[in-house]
Amino acid sequence: MYITQHSNITDPNVLDELWALYVAAYERIATADITRETLFRSEFDAVMADPTNKTCVVRDDGVPVSMITIATDIGATRYLSRAYFEHREADRLAQGLVHYVMWVVTHPDHQGRRATFELARGSLTPESVLGALLVFDLPESNQPNQTGGGAELFHRLAQMVGPVSLQVHGGSRYYALDFAPVDAGVATDTTDGAPVDAEHASA
């Protein structure tokens, strides 16, 4: 295995092979999360071509098996509030040190194997050297609770390259008003199917 570092990717062949990895990695969670976690191909190509984004790829016999893309200009993404970090991390934001993980993907055949550790080493070492604040988010399938889960795994991987702390920031919860006929006063929690007394539910 070896690592390649990229930015401003426009080569159609490279885009095709990275897109194939991206799709294969996200396929397993397509039905697990309410949000659409995957980009459309045109969106993916735009992210790859943006020179402010950097992509680290682990290859096995030349084939991409793991990849991370990090945005170094959060103002260019639609995922983070620049105002939020201007209020909390003004100095580092001004220095260009607030970065955002657009995605981390590993081919299903390489999950939990050497590729994951190689990717962490290749992508997180530069962030550690810079002293960056690397922001990331996780779907519920990878982070069912505030602690543990994918966040703790990512933290442990980061500890391999240098001292690092894990911060917890806000998140979104999704709800739905279901107008299908139901028993009066009973709502359904779709996370586990348990009935909830709507009369005592708080907004």
N, C-alpha and C. Protein backbone atom coordinates (compact mmCIF):
# COMPACT_ATOMS: atom_id res chain seq x y z
N MET A 1 0.84 -1.20 0.00
CA MET A 1 0.00 0.00 0.00
C MET A 1 0.87 1.25 0.00
N TYR A 2 0.36 2.28 -0.63
CA TYR A 2 1.06 3.55 -0.62
C TYR A 2 0.03 4.68 -0.66
N ILE A 3 0.48 5.90 -0.34
CA ILE A 3 -0.40 7.05 -0.22
C ILE A 3 -0.12 8.05 -1.33
N THR A 4 -1.19 8.61 -1.89
CA THR A 4 -1.04 9.71 -2.83
C THR A 4 -1.83 10.91 -2.30
N GLN A 5 -1.27 12.10 -2.49
CA GLN A 5 -1.90 13.33 -2.03
C GLN A 5 -2.35 14.14 -3.25
N HIS A 6 -3.55 14.70 -3.18
CA HIS A 6 -4.11 15.36 -4.35
C HIS A 6 -4.78 16.68 -3.97
N SER A 7 -4.89 17.57 -4.96
CA SER A 7 -5.70 18.78 -4.87
C SER A 7 -5.99 19.21 -6.30
N ASN A 8 -7.12 19.91 -6.49
CA ASN A 8 -7.49 20.37 -7.83
C ASN A 8 -7.48 19.21 -8.84
N ILE A 9 -8.21 18.15 -8.52
CA ILE A 9 -8.25 16.97 -9.39
C ILE A 9 -9.24 17.19 -10.52
N THR A 10 -8.73 17.13 -11.73
CA THR A 10 -9.59 17.28 -12.92
C THR A 10 -9.40 16.15 -13.92
N ASP A 11 -8.41 15.29 -13.71
CA ASP A 11 -8.17 14.17 -14.61
C ASP A 11 -9.36 13.21 -14.58
N PRO A 12 -10.04 12.99 -15.70
CA PRO A 12 -11.24 12.13 -15.70
C PRO A 12 -10.98 10.72 -15.19
N ASN A 13 -9.83 10.17 -15.47
CA ASN A 13 -9.52 8.81 -15.02
C ASN A 13 -9.39 8.74 -13.50
N VAL A 14 -8.74 9.74 -12.91
CA VAL A 14 -8.60 9.78 -11.45
C VAL A 14 -9.96 10.01 -10.81
N LEU A 15 -10.74 10.91 -11.37
CA LEU A 15 -12.08 11.17 -10.84
C LEU A 15 -12.94 9.91 -10.88
N ASP A 16 -12.86 9.16 -11.97
CA ASP A 16 -13.67 7.95 -12.11
C ASP A 16 -13.31 6.92 -11.04
N GLU A 17 -12.01 6.72 -10.79
CA GLU A 17 -11.62 5.70 -9.82
C GLU A 17 -11.94 6.12 -8.39
N LEU A 18 -11.83 7.41 -8.11
CA LEU A 18 -12.17 7.89 -6.77
C LEU A 18 -13.68 7.88 -6.56
N TRP A 19 -14.43 8.18 -7.58
CA TRP A 19 -15.89 8.12 -7.50
C TRP A 19 -16.36 6.68 -7.26
N ALA A 20 -15.75 5.72 -7.90
CA ALA A 20 -16.10 4.31 -7.72
C ALA A 20 -15.89 3.89 -6.27
N LEU A 21 -14.79 4.34 -5.66
CA LEU A 21 -14.53 4.05 -4.24
C LEU A 21 -15.58 4.73 -3.37
N TYR A 22 -15.87 5.97 -3.65
CA TYR A 22 -16.84 6.75 -2.88
C TYR A 22 -18.21 6.06 -2.86
N VAL A 23 -18.67 5.64 -4.02
CA VAL A 23 -19.98 4.99 -4.13
C VAL A 23 -19.99 3.65 -3.39
N ALA A 24 -18.95 2.87 -3.57
CA ALA A 24 -18.87 1.55 -2.92
C ALA A 24 -18.88 1.69 -1.40
N ALA A 25 -18.19 2.70 -0.89
CA ALA A 25 -18.09 2.89 0.56
C ALA A 25 -19.41 3.34 1.17
N TYR A 26 -20.14 4.18 0.47
CA TYR A 26 -21.38 4.72 1.02
C TYR A 26 -22.59 3.83 0.79
N GLU A 27 -22.46 2.83 -0.02
CA GLU A 27 -23.61 1.99 -0.37
C GLU A 27 -24.26 1.36 0.85
N ARG A 28 -23.44 0.96 1.82
CA ARG A 28 -23.97 0.24 2.98
C ARG A 28 -24.83 1.11 3.88
N ILE A 29 -24.65 2.44 3.86
CA ILE A 29 -25.43 3.29 4.76
C ILE A 29 -26.54 4.03 4.03
N ALA A 30 -26.73 3.72 2.75
CA ALA A 30 -27.73 4.44 1.96
C ALA A 30 -29.13 4.30 2.56
N THR A 31 -29.43 3.15 3.16
CA THR A 31 -30.75 2.94 3.75
C THR A 31 -30.75 3.08 5.27
N ALA A 32 -29.60 3.42 5.84
CA ALA A 32 -29.50 3.47 7.30
C ALA A 32 -29.73 4.86 7.87
N ASP A 33 -29.52 5.91 7.06
CA ASP A 33 -29.61 7.27 7.56
C ASP A 33 -30.64 8.08 6.79
N ILE A 34 -31.33 8.96 7.50
CA ILE A 34 -32.38 9.77 6.88
C ILE A 34 -31.81 10.80 5.92
N THR A 35 -30.61 11.28 6.19
CA THR A 35 -30.00 12.27 5.31
C THR A 35 -29.35 11.59 4.11
N ARG A 36 -29.29 12.34 3.01
CA ARG A 36 -28.55 11.85 1.83
C ARG A 36 -27.08 12.17 2.06
N GLU A 37 -26.34 11.16 2.44
CA GLU A 37 -24.94 11.37 2.80
C GLU A 37 -24.04 11.50 1.57
N THR A 38 -24.49 11.02 0.44
CA THR A 38 -23.64 11.02 -0.76
C THR A 38 -23.93 12.24 -1.63
N LEU A 39 -22.90 12.69 -2.29
CA LEU A 39 -23.04 13.77 -3.26
C LEU A 39 -23.47 13.20 -4.61
N PHE A 40 -24.02 14.07 -5.45
CA PHE A 40 -24.21 13.70 -6.84
C PHE A 40 -22.84 13.76 -7.52
N ARG A 41 -22.72 13.08 -8.66
CA ARG A 41 -21.41 13.04 -9.32
C ARG A 41 -20.91 14.44 -9.66
N SER A 42 -21.78 15.32 -10.10
CA SER A 42 -21.35 16.67 -10.45
C SER A 42 -20.83 17.41 -9.22
N GLU A 43 -21.46 17.18 -8.06
CA GLU A 43 -21.01 17.80 -6.82
C GLU A 43 -19.65 17.24 -6.41
N PHE A 44 -19.51 15.93 -6.54
CA PHE A 44 -18.25 15.27 -6.20
C PHE A 44 -17.11 15.83 -7.05
N ASP A 45 -17.34 15.94 -8.35
CA ASP A 45 -16.30 16.45 -9.24
C ASP A 45 -15.93 17.89 -8.89
N ALA A 46 -16.92 18.68 -8.47
CA ALA A 46 -16.65 20.07 -8.10
C ALA A 46 -15.79 20.15 -6.85
N VAL A 47 -16.07 19.29 -5.87
CA VAL A 47 -15.26 19.24 -4.65
C VAL A 47 -13.83 18.83 -4.99
N MET A 48 -13.68 17.83 -5.85
CA MET A 48 -12.35 17.36 -6.21
C MET A 48 -11.54 18.43 -6.95
N ALA A 49 -12.23 19.25 -7.75
CA ALA A 49 -11.53 20.27 -8.54
C ALA A 49 -11.18 21.52 -7.75
N ASP A 50 -11.80 21.69 -6.59
CA ASP A 50 -11.57 22.89 -5.77
C ASP A 50 -10.15 22.86 -5.20
N PRO A 51 -9.32 23.82 -5.52
CA PRO A 51 -7.92 23.81 -5.04
C PRO A 51 -7.79 24.03 -3.54
N THR A 52 -8.87 24.46 -2.86
CA THR A 52 -8.79 24.63 -1.41
C THR A 52 -9.07 23.32 -0.67
N ASN A 53 -9.45 22.30 -1.40
CA ASN A 53 -9.67 20.97 -0.80
C ASN A 53 -8.47 20.08 -1.06
N LYS A 54 -8.16 19.23 -0.10
CA LYS A 54 -7.05 18.30 -0.28
C LYS A 54 -7.54 16.88 -0.01
N THR A 55 -7.07 15.97 -0.82
CA THR A 55 -7.51 14.58 -0.74
C THR A 55 -6.32 13.66 -0.58
N CYS A 56 -6.43 12.78 0.42
CA CYS A 56 -5.40 11.77 0.68
C CYS A 56 -5.99 10.42 0.31
N VAL A 57 -5.27 9.65 -0.49
CA VAL A 57 -5.77 8.38 -0.99
C VAL A 57 -4.79 7.26 -0.65
N VAL A 58 -5.31 6.17 -0.12
CA VAL A 58 -4.51 4.97 0.09
C VAL A 58 -4.79 4.03 -1.07
N ARG A 59 -3.72 3.55 -1.70
CA ARG A 59 -3.87 2.66 -2.85
C ARG A 59 -3.25 1.30 -2.55
N ASP A 60 -3.91 0.27 -3.05
CA ASP A 60 -3.42 -1.09 -2.93
C ASP A 60 -3.26 -1.64 -4.34
N ASP A 61 -2.02 -1.90 -4.74
CA ASP A 61 -1.73 -2.30 -6.13
C ASP A 61 -2.28 -1.28 -7.12
N GLY A 62 -2.19 -0.01 -6.74
CA GLY A 62 -2.61 1.07 -7.63
C GLY A 62 -4.08 1.43 -7.56
N VAL A 63 -4.87 0.61 -6.87
CA VAL A 63 -6.33 0.83 -6.81
C VAL A 63 -6.67 1.58 -5.52
N PRO A 64 -7.45 2.66 -5.58
CA PRO A 64 -7.84 3.38 -4.37
C PRO A 64 -8.72 2.51 -3.47
N VAL A 65 -8.33 2.41 -2.19
CA VAL A 65 -9.12 1.61 -1.24
C VAL A 65 -9.58 2.43 -0.04
N SER A 66 -9.02 3.62 0.14
CA SER A 66 -9.43 4.47 1.24
C SER A 66 -9.11 5.92 0.88
N MET A 67 -9.96 6.84 1.33
CA MET A 67 -9.79 8.24 0.90
C MET A 67 -10.41 9.18 1.93
N ILE A 68 -9.77 10.32 2.12
CA ILE A 68 -10.33 11.39 2.93
C ILE A 68 -10.17 12.70 2.17
N THR A 69 -11.19 13.53 2.20
CA THR A 69 -11.11 14.85 1.59
C THR A 69 -11.36 15.89 2.66
N ILE A 70 -10.45 16.85 2.75
CA ILE A 70 -10.50 17.89 3.79
C ILE A 70 -10.59 19.26 3.13
N ALA A 71 -11.59 20.03 3.55
CA ALA A 71 -11.73 21.41 3.08
C ALA A 71 -10.91 22.33 3.98
N THR A 72 -10.06 23.13 3.38
CA THR A 72 -9.24 24.06 4.16
C THR A 72 -9.86 25.46 4.20
N ASP A 73 -10.92 25.67 3.44
CA ASP A 73 -11.66 26.93 3.46
C ASP A 73 -13.12 26.60 3.74
N ILE A 74 -13.53 26.68 5.02
CA ILE A 74 -14.89 26.26 5.35
C ILE A 74 -15.93 27.20 4.77
N GLY A 75 -15.52 28.41 4.41
CA GLY A 75 -16.45 29.33 3.79
C GLY A 75 -16.86 28.89 2.40
N ALA A 76 -16.09 27.99 1.80
CA ALA A 76 -16.40 27.51 0.45
C ALA A 76 -17.33 26.30 0.48
N THR A 77 -17.62 25.78 1.66
CA THR A 77 -18.52 24.64 1.77
C THR A 77 -19.89 25.10 2.24
N ARG A 78 -20.89 24.27 2.05
CA ARG A 78 -22.23 24.61 2.51
C ARG A 78 -22.58 23.88 3.80
N TYR A 79 -21.58 23.27 4.42
CA TYR A 79 -21.85 22.39 5.56
C TYR A 79 -21.61 23.03 6.91
N LEU A 80 -20.72 24.02 6.98
CA LEU A 80 -20.39 24.64 8.26
C LEU A 80 -20.72 26.12 8.23
N SER A 81 -21.05 26.66 9.40
CA SER A 81 -21.31 28.08 9.54
C SER A 81 -20.00 28.81 9.85
N ARG A 82 -19.59 29.68 8.95
CA ARG A 82 -18.38 30.45 9.19
C ARG A 82 -18.56 31.35 10.41
N ALA A 83 -19.77 31.91 10.57
CA ALA A 83 -20.04 32.80 11.71
C ALA A 83 -19.86 32.06 13.04
N TYR A 84 -20.23 30.79 13.08
CA TYR A 84 -20.09 29.98 14.29
C TYR A 84 -18.63 29.94 14.74
N PHE A 85 -17.74 29.71 13.80
CA PHE A 85 -16.32 29.59 14.15
C PHE A 85 -15.65 30.95 14.28
N GLU A 86 -16.19 31.97 13.63
CA GLU A 86 -15.67 33.32 13.86
C GLU A 86 -15.90 33.74 15.30
N HIS A 87 -16.99 33.26 15.88
CA HIS A 87 -17.32 33.58 17.26
C HIS A 87 -16.48 32.78 18.25
N ARG A 88 -16.14 31.54 17.89
CA ARG A 88 -15.47 30.63 18.84
C ARG A 88 -13.98 30.44 18.56
N GLU A 89 -13.58 30.52 17.31
CA GLU A 89 -12.18 30.23 16.94
C GLU A 89 -11.68 31.29 15.96
N ALA A 90 -11.87 32.56 16.32
CA ALA A 90 -11.57 33.65 15.39
C ALA A 90 -10.12 33.66 14.92
N ASP A 91 -9.20 33.46 15.86
CA ASP A 91 -7.78 33.52 15.50
C ASP A 91 -7.40 32.41 14.54
N ARG A 92 -7.79 31.20 14.87
CA ARG A 92 -7.42 30.08 13.99
C ARG A 92 -8.14 30.14 12.65
N LEU A 93 -9.38 30.64 12.66
CA LEU A 93 -10.10 30.78 11.40
C LEU A 93 -9.40 31.79 10.50
N ALA A 94 -8.95 32.90 11.10
CA ALA A 94 -8.24 33.92 10.34
C ALA A 94 -6.93 33.40 9.76
N GLN A 95 -6.34 32.43 10.46
CA GLN A 95 -5.09 31.84 9.98
C GLN A 95 -5.33 30.68 9.00
N GLY A 96 -6.57 30.40 8.72
CA GLY A 96 -6.88 29.29 7.80
C GLY A 96 -6.68 27.94 8.43
N LEU A 97 -6.83 27.85 9.76
CA LEU A 97 -6.56 26.60 10.47
C LEU A 97 -7.81 25.88 10.94
N VAL A 98 -8.98 26.31 10.51
CA VAL A 98 -10.21 25.56 10.78
C VAL A 98 -10.54 24.79 9.50
N HIS A 99 -10.40 23.50 9.57
CA HIS A 99 -10.61 22.63 8.41
C HIS A 99 -11.81 21.72 8.65
N TYR A 100 -12.33 21.16 7.58
CA TYR A 100 -13.53 20.33 7.67
C TYR A 100 -13.37 19.05 6.85
N VAL A 101 -13.67 17.93 7.47
CA VAL A 101 -13.61 16.64 6.77
C VAL A 101 -14.87 16.50 5.93
N MET A 102 -14.70 16.55 4.63
CA MET A 102 -15.85 16.39 3.73
C MET A 102 -16.35 14.95 3.75
N TRP A 103 -15.42 14.01 3.74
CA TRP A 103 -15.77 12.59 3.85
C TRP A 103 -14.52 11.76 4.14
N VAL A 104 -14.76 10.64 4.75
CA VAL A 104 -13.75 9.59 4.92
C VAL A 104 -14.40 8.30 4.42
N VAL A 105 -13.81 7.67 3.44
CA VAL A 105 -14.40 6.44 2.90
C VAL A 105 -13.34 5.36 2.78
N THR A 106 -13.76 4.15 3.06
CA THR A 106 -12.90 2.98 2.89
C THR A 106 -13.71 1.89 2.22
N HIS A 107 -13.12 1.25 1.26
CA HIS A 107 -13.82 0.18 0.55
C HIS A 107 -14.23 -0.90 1.55
N PRO A 108 -15.44 -1.47 1.40
CA PRO A 108 -15.92 -2.50 2.33
C PRO A 108 -14.94 -3.66 2.53
N ASP A 109 -14.18 -3.99 1.52
CA ASP A 109 -13.23 -5.10 1.63
C ASP A 109 -12.01 -4.75 2.47
N HIS A 110 -11.86 -3.48 2.82
CA HIS A 110 -10.68 -3.03 3.58
C HIS A 110 -11.05 -2.37 4.90
N GLN A 111 -12.31 -2.49 5.31
CA GLN A 111 -12.74 -1.90 6.57
C GLN A 111 -11.98 -2.53 7.74
N GLY A 112 -11.51 -1.68 8.67
CA GLY A 112 -10.83 -2.17 9.86
C GLY A 112 -9.48 -2.80 9.60
N ARG A 113 -8.92 -2.54 8.44
CA ARG A 113 -7.62 -3.13 8.10
C ARG A 113 -6.56 -2.05 7.99
N ARG A 114 -5.44 -2.41 7.41
CA ARG A 114 -4.29 -1.52 7.34
C ARG A 114 -4.62 -0.20 6.64
N ALA A 115 -5.52 -0.23 5.67
CA ALA A 115 -5.85 0.98 4.91
C ALA A 115 -6.31 2.11 5.82
N THR A 116 -7.09 1.78 6.85
CA THR A 116 -7.60 2.79 7.77
C THR A 116 -6.46 3.49 8.50
N PHE A 117 -5.49 2.73 8.96
CA PHE A 117 -4.37 3.31 9.70
C PHE A 117 -3.44 4.10 8.77
N GLU A 118 -3.26 3.62 7.56
CA GLU A 118 -2.44 4.35 6.61
C GLU A 118 -3.09 5.69 6.25
N LEU A 119 -4.41 5.67 6.11
CA LEU A 119 -5.12 6.90 5.78
C LEU A 119 -5.00 7.91 6.92
N ALA A 120 -5.15 7.44 8.15
CA ALA A 120 -5.02 8.33 9.30
C ALA A 120 -3.62 8.94 9.35
N ARG A 121 -2.62 8.12 9.15
CA ARG A 121 -1.23 8.61 9.20
C ARG A 121 -1.00 9.64 8.10
N GLY A 122 -1.45 9.33 6.89
CA GLY A 122 -1.18 10.21 5.76
C GLY A 122 -1.95 11.52 5.78
N SER A 123 -3.14 11.51 6.36
CA SER A 123 -3.98 12.71 6.32
C SER A 123 -3.93 13.53 7.61
N LEU A 124 -3.80 12.88 8.75
CA LEU A 124 -3.87 13.60 10.01
C LEU A 124 -2.52 14.15 10.47
N THR A 125 -1.43 13.57 10.02
CA THR A 125 -0.12 14.10 10.38
C THR A 125 0.04 15.56 9.95
N PRO A 126 -0.30 15.92 8.70
CA PRO A 126 -0.19 17.34 8.32
C PRO A 126 -1.09 18.25 9.15
N GLU A 127 -2.27 17.76 9.53
CA GLU A 127 -3.17 18.57 10.36
C GLU A 127 -2.56 18.79 11.75
N SER A 128 -1.93 17.77 12.27
CA SER A 128 -1.28 17.87 13.58
C SER A 128 -0.13 18.87 13.53
N VAL A 129 0.67 18.81 12.48
CA VAL A 129 1.81 19.71 12.33
C VAL A 129 1.34 21.16 12.26
N LEU A 130 0.22 21.39 11.56
CA LEU A 130 -0.31 22.74 11.42
C LEU A 130 -0.96 23.25 12.70
N GLY A 131 -1.39 22.34 13.56
CA GLY A 131 -2.17 22.74 14.73
C GLY A 131 -3.59 23.11 14.36
N ALA A 132 -4.13 22.42 13.37
CA ALA A 132 -5.45 22.73 12.85
C ALA A 132 -6.57 22.28 13.79
N LEU A 133 -7.72 22.90 13.65
CA LEU A 133 -8.95 22.43 14.26
C LEU A 133 -9.69 21.71 13.14
N LEU A 134 -9.74 20.39 13.21
CA LEU A 134 -10.32 19.58 12.14
C LEU A 134 -11.72 19.15 12.55
N VAL A 135 -12.71 19.75 11.91
CA VAL A 135 -14.11 19.51 12.24
C VAL A 135 -14.64 18.37 11.38
N PHE A 136 -15.46 17.52 11.98
CA PHE A 136 -16.08 16.44 11.21
C PHE A 136 -17.46 16.15 11.78
N ASP A 137 -18.29 15.55 10.98
CA ASP A 137 -19.61 15.13 11.45
C ASP A 137 -19.84 13.69 11.05
N LEU A 138 -20.78 13.06 11.73
CA LEU A 138 -21.03 11.64 11.50
C LEU A 138 -22.54 11.38 11.42
N PRO A 139 -22.96 10.49 10.52
CA PRO A 139 -24.37 10.10 10.49
C PRO A 139 -24.69 9.23 11.70
N GLU A 140 -25.97 9.13 12.02
CA GLU A 140 -26.37 8.38 13.21
C GLU A 140 -25.94 6.92 13.16
N SER A 141 -25.85 6.36 11.95
CA SER A 141 -25.45 4.96 11.84
C SER A 141 -24.03 4.74 12.35
N ASN A 142 -23.19 5.77 12.28
CA ASN A 142 -21.82 5.68 12.77
C ASN A 142 -21.64 6.30 14.15
N GLN A 143 -22.65 7.07 14.60
CA GLN A 143 -22.54 7.76 15.89
C GLN A 143 -23.92 7.79 16.56
N PRO A 144 -24.39 6.65 17.07
CA PRO A 144 -25.73 6.61 17.66
C PRO A 144 -25.85 7.38 18.97
N ASN A 145 -24.73 7.60 19.67
CA ASN A 145 -24.74 8.33 20.94
C ASN A 145 -23.70 9.45 20.88
N GLN A 146 -23.77 10.37 21.84
CA GLN A 146 -22.84 11.50 21.84
C GLN A 146 -21.40 11.05 22.05
N THR A 147 -21.20 9.99 22.82
CA THR A 147 -19.85 9.48 23.08
C THR A 147 -19.66 8.14 22.38
N GLY A 148 -18.40 7.73 22.29
CA GLY A 148 -18.10 6.46 21.64
C GLY A 148 -18.25 6.56 20.13
N GLY A 149 -18.54 5.43 19.50
CA GLY A 149 -18.82 5.42 18.07
C GLY A 149 -17.67 5.87 17.21
N GLY A 150 -18.03 6.39 16.03
CA GLY A 150 -17.04 6.81 15.07
C GLY A 150 -16.18 7.97 15.54
N ALA A 151 -16.76 8.85 16.37
CA ALA A 151 -15.98 9.99 16.87
C ALA A 151 -14.81 9.52 17.73
N GLU A 152 -15.07 8.55 18.60
CA GLU A 152 -14.01 8.04 19.46
C GLU A 152 -12.96 7.29 18.64
N LEU A 153 -13.40 6.55 17.63
CA LEU A 153 -12.45 5.86 16.75
C LEU A 153 -11.55 6.86 16.04
N PHE A 154 -12.13 7.92 15.51
CA PHE A 154 -11.34 8.94 14.81
C PHE A 154 -10.37 9.62 15.77
N HIS A 155 -10.81 9.83 17.00
CA HIS A 155 -9.95 10.42 18.02
C HIS A 155 -8.75 9.52 18.30
N ARG A 156 -9.00 8.23 18.44
CA ARG A 156 -7.90 7.29 18.71
C ARG A 156 -6.92 7.25 17.55
N LEU A 157 -7.43 7.30 16.33
CA LEU A 157 -6.54 7.31 15.17
C LEU A 157 -5.69 8.58 15.16
N ALA A 158 -6.31 9.71 15.52
CA ALA A 158 -5.58 10.97 15.55
C ALA A 158 -4.48 10.96 16.61
N GLN A 159 -4.71 10.25 17.70
CA GLN A 159 -3.71 10.19 18.76
C GLN A 159 -2.43 9.48 18.32
N MET A 160 -2.51 8.74 17.21
CA MET A 160 -1.32 8.07 16.70
C MET A 160 -0.33 9.07 16.14
N VAL A 161 -0.80 10.26 15.73
CA VAL A 161 0.09 11.21 15.06
C VAL A 161 0.47 12.40 15.94
N GLY A 162 -0.18 12.56 17.10
CA GLY A 162 0.19 13.65 17.99
C GLY A 162 -0.86 13.92 19.04
N PRO A 163 -0.54 14.79 20.01
CA PRO A 163 -1.51 15.14 21.05
C PRO A 163 -2.74 15.79 20.44
N VAL A 164 -3.92 15.38 20.88
CA VAL A 164 -5.15 15.91 20.30
C VAL A 164 -6.30 15.72 21.29
N SER A 165 -7.22 16.67 21.31
CA SER A 165 -8.42 16.54 22.14
C SER A 165 -9.64 16.46 21.23
N LEU A 166 -10.70 15.87 21.75
CA LEU A 166 -11.93 15.72 20.99
C LEU A 166 -12.98 16.68 21.54
N GLN A 167 -13.46 17.58 20.70
CA GLN A 167 -14.51 18.53 21.08
C GLN A 167 -15.86 18.02 20.58
N VAL A 168 -16.92 18.36 21.31
CA VAL A 168 -18.28 18.02 20.88
C VAL A 168 -19.00 19.31 20.54
N HIS A 169 -19.49 19.41 19.32
CA HIS A 169 -20.26 20.57 18.88
C HIS A 169 -21.70 20.13 18.62
N GLY A 170 -22.54 21.07 18.25
CA GLY A 170 -23.96 20.79 18.09
C GLY A 170 -24.25 19.88 16.91
N GLY A 171 -25.47 19.36 16.89
CA GLY A 171 -25.90 18.51 15.80
C GLY A 171 -27.38 18.69 15.53
N SER A 172 -27.88 18.03 14.52
CA SER A 172 -29.29 18.13 14.16
C SER A 172 -30.00 16.81 14.44
N ARG A 173 -31.27 16.93 14.79
CA ARG A 173 -32.13 15.75 14.90
C ARG A 173 -33.28 15.92 13.94
N TYR A 174 -33.69 14.83 13.34
CA TYR A 174 -34.75 14.88 12.35
C TYR A 174 -36.04 14.31 12.92
N TYR A 175 -37.13 15.00 12.63
CA TYR A 175 -38.45 14.56 13.08
C TYR A 175 -39.41 14.61 11.89
N ALA A 176 -40.56 13.99 12.07
CA ALA A 176 -41.58 14.02 11.04
C ALA A 176 -42.94 14.05 11.69
N LEU A 177 -43.88 14.79 11.08
CA LEU A 177 -45.27 14.76 11.49
C LEU A 177 -45.98 13.76 10.61
N ASP A 178 -46.40 12.65 11.18
CA ASP A 178 -47.02 11.56 10.42
C ASP A 178 -48.54 11.68 10.55
N PHE A 179 -49.20 12.02 9.45
CA PHE A 179 -50.64 12.22 9.47
C PHE A 179 -51.43 10.96 9.15
N ALA A 180 -50.75 9.83 9.08
CA ALA A 180 -51.48 8.57 8.92
C ALA A 180 -52.26 8.29 10.20
N PRO A 181 -53.41 7.62 10.11
CA PRO A 181 -54.21 7.35 11.31
C PRO A 181 -53.42 6.56 12.35
N VAL A 182 -53.46 7.06 13.60
CA VAL A 182 -52.80 6.38 14.71
C VAL A 182 -53.73 6.44 15.91
N ASP A 183 -53.41 5.65 16.93
CA ASP A 183 -54.19 5.70 18.17
C ASP A 183 -54.03 7.08 18.79
N ALA A 184 -55.12 7.64 19.30
CA ALA A 184 -55.09 8.97 19.89
C ALA A 184 -54.09 9.04 21.03
N GLY A 185 -53.27 10.09 21.02
CA GLY A 185 -52.35 10.34 22.13
C GLY A 185 -51.09 9.52 22.10
N VAL A 186 -50.88 8.73 21.03
CA VAL A 186 -49.68 7.90 20.98
C VAL A 186 -48.91 8.23 19.71
N ALA A 187 -47.63 8.56 19.89
CA ALA A 187 -46.75 8.79 18.76
C ALA A 187 -45.75 7.66 18.70
N THR A 188 -45.08 7.52 17.58
CA THR A 188 -44.10 6.45 17.43
C THR A 188 -42.71 7.01 17.28
N ASP A 189 -41.82 6.51 18.10
CA ASP A 189 -40.41 6.85 17.98
C ASP A 189 -39.81 5.89 16.97
N THR A 190 -39.44 6.40 15.78
CA THR A 190 -38.97 5.52 14.72
C THR A 190 -37.58 4.98 14.96
N THR A 191 -36.89 5.48 15.99
CA THR A 191 -35.55 4.96 16.25
C THR A 191 -35.61 3.55 16.82
N ASP A 192 -36.65 3.26 17.61
CA ASP A 192 -36.75 1.90 18.14
C ASP A 192 -38.18 1.38 18.11
N GLY A 193 -39.09 2.16 17.51
CA GLY A 193 -40.47 1.71 17.39
C GLY A 193 -41.27 1.82 18.66
N ALA A 194 -40.73 2.43 19.70
CA ALA A 194 -41.42 2.51 20.99
C ALA A 194 -42.48 3.59 20.96
N PRO A 195 -43.67 3.32 21.53
CA PRO A 195 -44.69 4.36 21.57
C PRO A 195 -44.31 5.45 22.55
N VAL A 196 -44.70 6.69 22.22
CA VAL A 196 -44.42 7.83 23.07
C VAL A 196 -45.74 8.51 23.39
N ASP A 197 -45.97 8.86 24.64
CA ASP A 197 -47.18 9.56 25.03
C ASP A 197 -47.10 10.99 24.53
N ALA A 198 -47.84 11.28 23.45
CA ALA A 198 -47.75 12.59 22.83
C ALA A 198 -48.24 13.70 23.75
N GLU A 199 -49.13 13.36 24.68
CA GLU A 199 -49.69 14.36 25.58
C GLU A 199 -48.62 14.93 26.50
N HIS A 200 -47.59 14.09 26.78
CA HIS A 200 -46.52 14.53 27.69
C HIS A 200 -45.22 14.81 26.96
N ALA A 201 -45.24 14.73 25.62
CA ALA A 201 -44.02 15.00 24.86
C ALA A 201 -43.77 16.49 24.85
N SER A 202 -42.50 16.86 24.95
CA SER A 202 -42.14 18.28 24.94
C SER A 202 -41.61 18.67 23.59
N ALA A 203 -41.90 19.87 23.16
CA ALA A 203 -41.45 20.34 21.85
C ALA A 203 -40.03 20.84 21.93
